[in-house]
N, C-alpha and C. Protein backbone atom coordinates (compact mmCIF):
# COMPACT_ATOMS: atom_id res chain seq x y z
N UNK A 1 83.70 -29.98 -11.90
CA UNK A 1 83.83 -30.25 -10.49
C UNK A 1 82.47 -31.17 -10.26
N UNK A 2 82.65 -32.27 -9.77
CA UNK A 2 81.64 -33.25 -9.86
C UNK A 2 80.89 -33.02 -8.35
N UNK A 3 79.54 -33.04 -8.37
CA UNK A 3 78.87 -32.77 -7.05
C UNK A 3 78.14 -34.15 -6.56
N UNK A 4 78.52 -34.63 -5.35
CA UNK A 4 78.13 -35.81 -4.89
C UNK A 4 76.48 -35.69 -4.31
N UNK A 5 75.93 -36.65 -4.35
CA UNK A 5 74.55 -36.66 -3.88
C UNK A 5 74.27 -36.02 -2.56
N UNK A 6 75.26 -36.55 -1.78
CA UNK A 6 74.99 -36.17 -0.45
C UNK A 6 75.23 -34.49 -0.05
N UNK A 7 76.08 -33.92 -0.72
CA UNK A 7 76.13 -32.51 -0.82
C UNK A 7 74.93 -31.76 -1.44
N UNK A 8 74.28 -32.43 -2.41
CA UNK A 8 73.38 -32.05 -3.25
C UNK A 8 72.10 -31.93 -2.18
N UNK A 9 71.88 -33.00 -1.60
CA UNK A 9 70.82 -33.25 -0.51
C UNK A 9 70.87 -32.29 0.58
N UNK A 10 72.11 -32.15 1.20
CA UNK A 10 72.26 -31.23 2.15
C UNK A 10 72.11 -29.82 1.79
N UNK A 11 72.43 -29.37 0.65
CA UNK A 11 71.90 -27.97 0.13
C UNK A 11 70.48 -27.97 -0.05
N UNK A 12 69.73 -28.96 -0.53
CA UNK A 12 68.34 -29.02 -0.67
C UNK A 12 67.73 -28.80 0.81
N UNK A 13 68.02 -29.43 1.73
CA UNK A 13 67.55 -29.65 2.88
C UNK A 13 67.84 -28.13 3.61
N UNK A 14 69.07 -27.64 3.40
CA UNK A 14 69.17 -26.19 3.96
C UNK A 14 68.18 -25.26 3.38
N UNK A 15 68.19 -25.40 1.80
CA UNK A 15 67.10 -24.59 1.12
C UNK A 15 65.67 -24.58 1.76
N UNK A 16 65.41 -25.77 2.14
CA UNK A 16 63.95 -26.18 2.69
C UNK A 16 63.85 -25.65 3.92
N UNK A 17 64.81 -25.66 4.74
CA UNK A 17 64.91 -24.96 6.16
C UNK A 17 64.79 -23.50 6.03
N UNK A 18 65.41 -22.97 5.15
CA UNK A 18 65.48 -21.57 4.82
C UNK A 18 64.05 -21.20 4.33
N UNK A 19 63.45 -22.02 3.65
CA UNK A 19 62.20 -21.68 3.17
C UNK A 19 61.04 -21.73 4.04
N UNK A 20 61.47 -22.45 5.43
CA UNK A 20 60.50 -22.63 6.20
C UNK A 20 60.81 -21.62 7.46
N UNK A 21 61.81 -20.80 7.42
CA UNK A 21 62.05 -19.84 8.42
C UNK A 21 62.99 -20.44 9.45
N UNK A 22 63.74 -21.76 9.36
CA UNK A 22 64.20 -22.42 10.39
C UNK A 22 65.79 -22.04 10.58
N UNK A 23 66.21 -21.82 9.16
CA UNK A 23 67.61 -21.60 9.10
C UNK A 23 67.93 -20.45 8.42
N UNK A 24 67.01 -19.41 8.30
CA UNK A 24 67.34 -18.27 7.83
C UNK A 24 67.80 -17.11 8.70
N UNK A 25 68.86 -16.57 8.14
CA UNK A 25 69.48 -15.62 8.87
C UNK A 25 69.12 -14.14 8.59
N UNK A 26 68.91 -13.10 9.41
CA UNK A 26 68.32 -11.80 9.10
C UNK A 26 69.70 -11.19 8.13
N UNK A 27 68.98 -10.55 7.15
CA UNK A 27 69.81 -9.64 6.32
C UNK A 27 70.56 -10.85 5.22
N UNK A 28 69.73 -11.81 4.88
CA UNK A 28 70.40 -12.74 3.98
C UNK A 28 70.57 -12.20 2.64
N UNK A 29 71.09 -13.08 1.67
CA UNK A 29 71.43 -12.89 0.40
C UNK A 29 70.32 -12.19 -0.59
N UNK A 30 69.09 -12.67 -0.19
CA UNK A 30 67.94 -12.12 -0.65
C UNK A 30 67.63 -10.66 -0.57
N UNK A 31 67.81 -10.47 1.01
CA UNK A 31 67.46 -8.82 1.56
C UNK A 31 68.78 -7.94 1.06
N UNK A 32 70.09 -8.75 0.79
CA UNK A 32 70.98 -7.77 0.34
C UNK A 32 70.75 -7.17 -1.12
N UNK A 33 70.28 -7.90 -1.64
CA UNK A 33 69.92 -7.60 -3.34
C UNK A 33 68.49 -6.67 -3.19
N UNK A 34 67.87 -6.51 -2.19
CA UNK A 34 66.72 -5.44 -2.08
C UNK A 34 65.44 -6.46 -2.51
N UNK A 35 65.64 -7.60 -2.41
CA UNK A 35 64.37 -8.51 -2.78
C UNK A 35 63.88 -9.19 -1.37
N UNK A 36 62.45 -9.15 -1.24
CA UNK A 36 62.16 -9.76 0.13
C UNK A 36 62.13 -11.23 -0.17
N UNK A 37 62.93 -11.85 0.84
CA UNK A 37 63.23 -13.21 0.74
C UNK A 37 61.96 -13.95 1.27
N UNK A 38 61.22 -13.19 1.98
CA UNK A 38 60.04 -14.00 2.51
C UNK A 38 59.05 -14.39 1.53
N UNK A 39 59.03 -13.55 0.61
CA UNK A 39 57.86 -13.74 -0.59
C UNK A 39 58.37 -15.06 -1.32
N UNK A 40 59.44 -15.44 -1.53
CA UNK A 40 59.99 -16.56 -2.28
C UNK A 40 59.74 -17.61 -1.37
N UNK A 41 60.15 -17.60 0.09
CA UNK A 41 59.99 -18.73 0.96
C UNK A 41 58.42 -19.10 1.11
N UNK A 42 57.59 -17.97 1.19
CA UNK A 42 56.24 -18.17 1.23
C UNK A 42 55.56 -19.04 -0.11
N UNK A 43 56.14 -18.45 -1.13
CA UNK A 43 55.75 -19.25 -2.46
C UNK A 43 56.07 -20.61 -2.36
N UNK A 44 57.43 -20.94 -2.21
CA UNK A 44 57.87 -22.45 -2.12
C UNK A 44 57.17 -23.11 -1.03
N UNK A 45 56.81 -22.51 0.07
CA UNK A 45 55.89 -23.16 1.30
C UNK A 45 54.53 -23.56 0.76
N UNK A 46 53.94 -22.48 0.18
CA UNK A 46 52.56 -22.75 -0.43
C UNK A 46 52.53 -23.73 -1.60
N UNK A 47 53.49 -23.89 -2.23
CA UNK A 47 53.42 -25.00 -3.41
C UNK A 47 53.53 -26.15 -2.60
N UNK A 48 54.50 -26.44 -1.73
CA UNK A 48 54.57 -27.68 -0.99
C UNK A 48 53.46 -28.08 -0.28
N UNK A 49 52.59 -27.14 0.20
CA UNK A 49 51.34 -27.51 1.02
C UNK A 49 50.47 -27.72 -0.11
N UNK A 50 50.26 -27.15 -1.17
CA UNK A 50 49.21 -27.58 -2.11
C UNK A 50 49.65 -29.24 -2.73
N UNK A 51 50.96 -29.11 -2.98
CA UNK A 51 51.33 -30.60 -3.50
C UNK A 51 50.96 -31.62 -2.25
N UNK A 52 51.07 -31.22 -1.01
CA UNK A 52 50.70 -32.33 0.03
C UNK A 52 49.33 -32.50 -0.06
N UNK A 53 48.53 -31.42 0.00
CA UNK A 53 47.05 -31.47 -0.14
C UNK A 53 46.68 -32.25 -1.25
N UNK A 54 47.22 -31.96 -2.46
CA UNK A 54 46.72 -32.82 -3.50
C UNK A 54 46.85 -34.21 -3.41
N UNK A 55 48.06 -34.75 -2.53
CA UNK A 55 48.19 -36.07 -2.61
C UNK A 55 47.31 -36.76 -1.52
N UNK A 56 46.93 -36.06 -0.54
CA UNK A 56 46.08 -36.47 0.63
C UNK A 56 44.58 -36.55 -0.07
N UNK A 57 44.48 -35.67 -0.93
CA UNK A 57 43.18 -35.67 -1.58
C UNK A 57 43.06 -36.82 -2.39
N UNK A 58 44.02 -37.28 -3.06
CA UNK A 58 44.02 -38.55 -3.95
C UNK A 58 43.89 -39.76 -3.20
N UNK A 59 44.61 -39.71 -2.11
CA UNK A 59 44.56 -40.84 -1.17
C UNK A 59 43.01 -41.19 -0.71
N UNK A 60 42.48 -40.01 -0.18
CA UNK A 60 41.28 -39.87 0.21
C UNK A 60 40.14 -40.47 -0.98
N UNK A 61 40.20 -39.97 -2.07
CA UNK A 61 39.56 -40.40 -3.13
C UNK A 61 39.61 -41.72 -3.60
N UNK A 62 40.77 -42.37 -3.32
CA UNK A 62 41.08 -43.75 -3.62
C UNK A 62 40.51 -44.77 -2.45
N UNK A 63 40.54 -44.09 -1.34
CA UNK A 63 39.92 -44.90 -0.11
C UNK A 63 38.23 -45.05 -0.38
N UNK A 64 37.83 -43.77 -0.84
CA UNK A 64 36.37 -43.60 -1.13
C UNK A 64 35.98 -44.53 -2.18
N UNK A 65 36.80 -44.64 -3.25
CA UNK A 65 36.30 -45.43 -4.35
C UNK A 65 36.50 -46.91 -3.86
N UNK A 66 37.68 -47.35 -2.92
CA UNK A 66 37.38 -48.88 -2.55
C UNK A 66 36.35 -49.11 -1.70
N UNK A 67 35.82 -48.07 -0.99
CA UNK A 67 34.62 -48.26 -0.17
C UNK A 67 33.34 -48.02 -0.88
N UNK A 68 33.42 -47.72 -2.20
CA UNK A 68 32.10 -47.40 -2.84
C UNK A 68 31.51 -46.31 -2.96
N UNK A 69 32.06 -45.30 -2.20
CA UNK A 69 31.55 -44.00 -2.24
C UNK A 69 32.00 -42.95 -3.28
N UNK A 70 33.00 -43.05 -4.02
CA UNK A 70 33.38 -42.47 -5.05
C UNK A 70 33.42 -42.96 -6.53
N UNK A 71 33.21 -42.19 -7.47
CA UNK A 71 33.17 -42.51 -8.80
C UNK A 71 34.94 -42.62 -9.13
N UNK A 72 35.23 -43.52 -10.00
CA UNK A 72 36.37 -43.78 -10.75
C UNK A 72 37.08 -42.62 -11.22
N UNK A 73 36.10 -41.85 -12.03
CA UNK A 73 36.47 -40.60 -12.63
C UNK A 73 37.06 -39.62 -11.66
N UNK A 74 36.52 -39.41 -10.41
CA UNK A 74 36.97 -38.64 -9.43
C UNK A 74 38.34 -38.96 -8.90
N UNK A 75 38.56 -40.28 -8.78
CA UNK A 75 39.77 -40.76 -8.31
C UNK A 75 40.81 -40.42 -9.20
N UNK A 76 40.68 -40.70 -10.58
CA UNK A 76 41.70 -40.41 -11.71
C UNK A 76 41.94 -39.12 -11.73
N UNK A 77 41.19 -38.05 -11.69
CA UNK A 77 41.12 -36.49 -11.56
C UNK A 77 42.01 -36.32 -10.33
N UNK A 78 41.78 -36.66 -9.13
CA UNK A 78 42.56 -36.47 -7.79
C UNK A 78 44.06 -37.03 -8.20
N UNK A 79 44.24 -38.36 -8.81
CA UNK A 79 45.62 -38.70 -8.87
C UNK A 79 46.09 -37.96 -9.92
N UNK A 80 45.79 -37.42 -11.00
CA UNK A 80 46.27 -36.74 -12.23
C UNK A 80 46.72 -35.29 -11.27
N UNK A 81 45.94 -34.66 -10.61
CA UNK A 81 46.21 -33.44 -9.98
C UNK A 81 47.52 -33.69 -8.89
N UNK A 82 47.47 -34.66 -8.28
CA UNK A 82 48.51 -34.89 -7.31
C UNK A 82 49.87 -35.30 -8.18
N UNK A 83 49.70 -36.08 -9.19
CA UNK A 83 50.94 -36.16 -9.98
C UNK A 83 51.42 -35.20 -10.57
N UNK A 84 50.76 -34.03 -11.09
CA UNK A 84 51.12 -32.84 -11.50
C UNK A 84 51.78 -32.05 -10.51
N UNK A 85 51.37 -32.03 -9.49
CA UNK A 85 51.68 -31.21 -8.34
C UNK A 85 53.15 -31.76 -7.88
N UNK A 86 53.21 -33.11 -7.99
CA UNK A 86 54.52 -33.63 -7.55
C UNK A 86 55.71 -33.35 -8.60
N UNK A 87 55.33 -33.49 -9.90
CA UNK A 87 56.15 -33.19 -10.99
C UNK A 87 56.66 -31.86 -10.83
N UNK A 88 55.82 -30.74 -10.61
CA UNK A 88 56.20 -29.49 -10.40
C UNK A 88 57.10 -29.27 -9.26
N UNK A 89 57.00 -29.98 -8.06
CA UNK A 89 57.96 -29.79 -7.03
C UNK A 89 59.38 -30.50 -7.44
N UNK A 90 59.36 -31.34 -8.14
CA UNK A 90 60.49 -32.23 -8.40
C UNK A 90 61.27 -31.35 -9.70
N UNK A 91 60.53 -30.56 -10.62
CA UNK A 91 61.15 -29.99 -11.36
C UNK A 91 61.76 -28.77 -10.76
N UNK A 92 61.06 -27.96 -9.63
CA UNK A 92 61.80 -26.81 -8.78
C UNK A 92 62.94 -27.49 -8.27
N UNK A 93 62.76 -28.50 -7.57
CA UNK A 93 64.00 -29.16 -6.96
C UNK A 93 65.09 -29.44 -7.79
N UNK A 94 64.91 -29.76 -9.12
CA UNK A 94 65.83 -30.05 -10.00
C UNK A 94 66.42 -28.81 -10.39
N UNK A 95 65.76 -27.74 -10.63
CA UNK A 95 66.38 -26.41 -10.88
C UNK A 95 67.36 -25.77 -9.71
N UNK A 96 66.89 -26.07 -8.24
CA UNK A 96 67.41 -25.61 -7.27
C UNK A 96 68.84 -26.32 -7.18
N UNK A 97 68.91 -27.63 -7.40
CA UNK A 97 70.13 -28.35 -7.34
C UNK A 97 70.97 -27.83 -8.60
N UNK A 98 70.34 -27.88 -9.70
CA UNK A 98 71.15 -27.26 -10.89
C UNK A 98 71.75 -25.95 -10.51
N UNK A 99 71.06 -25.09 -9.89
CA UNK A 99 71.56 -23.59 -9.59
C UNK A 99 72.85 -23.91 -8.37
N UNK A 100 72.59 -24.68 -7.51
CA UNK A 100 73.46 -24.82 -6.47
C UNK A 100 75.00 -25.43 -7.32
N UNK A 101 74.83 -26.09 -8.16
CA UNK A 101 76.03 -26.67 -8.80
C UNK A 101 76.63 -25.58 -9.69
N UNK A 102 75.89 -24.86 -10.40
CA UNK A 102 76.33 -23.59 -11.10
C UNK A 102 77.26 -22.67 -10.40
N UNK A 103 76.48 -22.57 -8.93
CA UNK A 103 77.30 -21.67 -8.17
C UNK A 103 78.60 -22.25 -7.70
N UNK A 104 78.45 -23.44 -7.43
CA UNK A 104 79.79 -24.25 -7.08
C UNK A 104 80.95 -24.12 -8.15
N UNK A 105 80.28 -24.01 -9.26
CA UNK A 105 81.50 -24.02 -10.43
C UNK A 105 81.87 -22.68 -10.63
N UNK A 106 81.36 -21.70 -10.08
CA UNK A 106 81.82 -20.12 -10.25
C UNK A 106 83.10 -19.92 -9.59
N UNK A 107 84.17 -19.28 -10.41
CA UNK A 107 85.31 -18.92 -9.71
C UNK A 107 85.26 -18.10 -8.66
N UNK A 108 86.08 -17.99 -7.83
CA UNK A 108 85.86 -16.93 -6.67
C UNK A 108 87.13 -15.64 -7.07
């Protein structure tokens, strides 16, 4: 069963909303299993905030280097950290989509 990109992106958006507490319903699947779903959503939220912060830091370092206030080494370090954060977020996203596809393939 093939998953179209629109369905995958909708599932990813719903997961993001759930992680932010916008679409979470009380007594969800995580709580039914005895696991605190808030821990996972806070973990994902923190990772996203850190990735966003790393990106902003890289932009600030780049602008500072253009104005002559920062060293090139600092810029390269900040960009590398932002790239590593982005790759981590993308890897998690890919795993979420893969898990979603696997759930869709399960027989009922």
